[in-house]
């Protein structure tokens, strides 16, 4: 069973750019992150990234998760599990 989705990037047909409006910024970040996490792209990139680059990406994502998700949200939305 597939738990993860990347539908937004497949259906969004609006403007991509940053600094125009909050809505456009949000949509652009969603598209960039979904494109960035594409299996073929990210497998190619991680082979070229330094250990420090890998660590920076991991730490940045971890910090964002800790800042913006409660523990139940982290389990439900990121881990996709039924943790209470």
C-alpha atoms as a PDB file:
ATOM      1  CA  UNK A   1       0.000   0.000   0.000  1.00  0.00           C
ATOM      2  CA  UNK A   2       1.338   3.422  -0.944  1.00  0.00           C
ATOM      3  CA  UNK A   3       1.257   6.006   1.824  1.00  0.00           C
ATOM      4  CA  UNK A   4       3.049   8.943   0.219  1.00  0.00           C
ATOM      5  CA  UNK A   5       1.638  11.231  -2.436  1.00  0.00           C
ATOM      6  CA  UNK A   6       3.063  13.810  -4.776  1.00  0.00           C
ATOM      7  CA  UNK A   7      -0.129  14.860  -6.524  1.00  0.00           C
ATOM      8  CA  UNK A   8       0.221  18.632  -6.163  1.00  0.00           C
ATOM      9  CA  UNK A   9       3.199  18.899  -8.498  1.00  0.00           C
ATOM     10  CA  UNK A  10       1.375  16.776 -11.076  1.00  0.00           C
ATOM     11  CA  UNK A  11      -1.719  18.976 -11.170  1.00  0.00           C
ATOM     12  CA  UNK A  12      -0.532  22.498 -10.292  1.00  0.00           C
ATOM     13  CA  UNK A  13      -0.580  24.790 -13.306  1.00  0.00           C
ATOM     14  CA  UNK A  14       0.001  28.122 -11.610  1.00  0.00           C
ATOM     15  CA  UNK A  15       3.028  30.391 -11.551  1.00  0.00           C
ATOM     16  CA  UNK A  16       6.260  29.108 -10.003  1.00  0.00           C
ATOM     17  CA  UNK A  17       8.419  31.777  -8.470  1.00  0.00           C
ATOM     18  CA  UNK A  18       9.271  33.330  -5.156  1.00  0.00           C
ATOM     19  CA  UNK A  19       8.469  36.711  -3.683  1.00  0.00           C
ATOM     20  CA  UNK A  20       5.270  37.522  -5.576  1.00  0.00           C
ATOM     21  CA  UNK A  21       2.782  36.509  -2.867  1.00  0.00           C
ATOM     22  CA  UNK A  22       2.529  34.174   0.100  1.00  0.00           C
ATOM     23  CA  UNK A  23       0.272  31.807  -1.872  1.00  0.00           C
ATOM     24  CA  UNK A  24       2.685  31.642  -4.806  1.00  0.00           C
ATOM     25  CA  UNK A  25       5.623  31.137  -2.406  1.00  0.00           C
ATOM     26  CA  UNK A  26       3.804  28.235  -0.702  1.00  0.00           C
ATOM     27  CA  UNK A  27       2.880  26.614  -4.022  1.00  0.00           C
ATOM     28  CA  UNK A  28       6.435  27.022  -5.315  1.00  0.00           C
ATOM     29  CA  UNK A  29       7.945  25.415  -2.210  1.00  0.00           C
ATOM     30  CA  UNK A  30       5.518  22.491  -2.483  1.00  0.00           C
ATOM     31  CA  UNK A  31       6.415  21.959  -6.138  1.00  0.00           C
ATOM     32  CA  UNK A  32      10.157  22.260  -5.525  1.00  0.00           C
ATOM     33  CA  UNK A  33      10.071  19.810  -2.606  1.00  0.00           C
ATOM     34  CA  UNK A  34       7.978  17.295  -4.519  1.00  0.00           C
ATOM     35  CA  UNK A  35      10.238  17.555  -7.558  1.00  0.00           C
ATOM     36  CA  UNK A  36      13.333  17.366  -5.333  1.00  0.00           C
ATOM     37  CA  UNK A  37      12.103  14.153  -3.701  1.00  0.00           C
ATOM     38  CA  UNK A  38      11.433  12.426  -7.024  1.00  0.00           C
ATOM     39  CA  UNK A  39      13.060   8.995  -6.740  1.00  0.00           C
ATOM     40  CA  UNK A  40      15.211   9.294  -9.858  1.00  0.00           C
ATOM     41  CA  UNK A  41      16.423  12.814  -9.069  1.00  0.00           C
ATOM     42  CA  UNK A  42      17.196  12.315  -5.389  1.00  0.00           C
ATOM     43  CA  UNK A  43      18.984   8.986  -5.940  1.00  0.00           C
ATOM     44  CA  UNK A  44      21.183  10.752  -8.490  1.00  0.00           C
ATOM     45  CA  UNK A  45      21.855  13.733  -6.240  1.00  0.00           C
ATOM     46  CA  UNK A  46      22.633  11.917  -2.980  1.00  0.00           C
ATOM     47  CA  UNK A  47      25.421   9.982  -4.695  1.00  0.00           C
ATOM     48  CA  UNK A  48      27.090  13.301  -5.496  1.00  0.00           C
ATOM     49  CA  UNK A  49      26.419  15.093  -2.209  1.00  0.00           C
ATOM     50  CA  UNK A  50      29.123  15.373   0.416  1.00  0.00           C
ATOM     51  CA  UNK A  51      28.645  13.915   3.880  1.00  0.00           C
ATOM     52  CA  UNK A  52      28.249  17.488   5.137  1.00  0.00           C
ATOM     53  CA  UNK A  53      25.550  18.225   2.540  1.00  0.00           C
ATOM     54  CA  UNK A  54      23.637  15.103   3.554  1.00  0.00           C
ATOM     55  CA  UNK A  55      23.919  16.088   7.203  1.00  0.00           C
ATOM     56  CA  UNK A  56      22.710  19.649   6.496  1.00  0.00           C
ATOM     57  CA  UNK A  57      19.651  18.432   4.583  1.00  0.00           C
ATOM     58  CA  UNK A  58      18.812  15.924   7.315  1.00  0.00           C
ATOM     59  CA  UNK A  59      19.219  18.508  10.086  1.00  0.00           C
ATOM     60  CA  UNK A  60      17.182  21.155   8.253  1.00  0.00           C
ATOM     61  CA  UNK A  61      14.286  18.783   7.619  1.00  0.00           C
ATOM     62  CA  UNK A  62      14.432  17.448  11.181  1.00  0.00           C
ATOM     63  CA  UNK A  63      14.329  20.984  12.583  1.00  0.00           C
ATOM     64  CA  UNK A  64      11.358  21.933  10.396  1.00  0.00           C
ATOM     65  CA  UNK A  65       9.478  18.833  11.515  1.00  0.00           C
ATOM     66  CA  UNK A  66      10.198  19.576  15.188  1.00  0.00           C
ATOM     67  CA  UNK A  67       9.185  23.218  14.808  1.00  0.00           C
ATOM     68  CA  UNK A  68       5.951  22.848  12.868  1.00  0.00           C
ATOM     69  CA  UNK A  69       4.515  19.462  13.831  1.00  0.00           C
ATOM     70  CA  UNK A  70       3.278  18.190  17.160  1.00  0.00           C
ATOM     71  CA  UNK A  71       4.294  14.646  18.025  1.00  0.00           C
ATOM     72  CA  UNK A  72       0.911  13.201  16.924  1.00  0.00           C
ATOM     73  CA  UNK A  73       1.139  15.169  13.649  1.00  0.00           C
ATOM     74  CA  UNK A  74       4.704  13.926  13.130  1.00  0.00           C
ATOM     75  CA  UNK A  75       3.558  10.325  13.444  1.00  0.00           C
ATOM     76  CA  UNK A  76       0.398  10.755  11.406  1.00  0.00           C
ATOM     77  CA  UNK A  77       1.665  13.026   8.629  1.00  0.00           C
ATOM     78  CA  UNK A  78       5.388  12.242   8.327  1.00  0.00           C
ATOM     79  CA  UNK A  79       5.807   8.678   9.597  1.00  0.00           C
ATOM     80  CA  UNK A  80       2.350   7.642   8.375  1.00  0.00           C
ATOM     81  CA  UNK A  81       1.699   5.539  11.448  1.00  0.00           C
ATOM     82  CA  UNK A  82      -1.092   5.332  14.000  1.00  0.00           C
ATOM     83  CA  UNK A  83       0.935   6.396  17.039  1.00  0.00           C
ATOM     84  CA  UNK A  84      -1.366   7.991  19.630  1.00  0.00           C
END
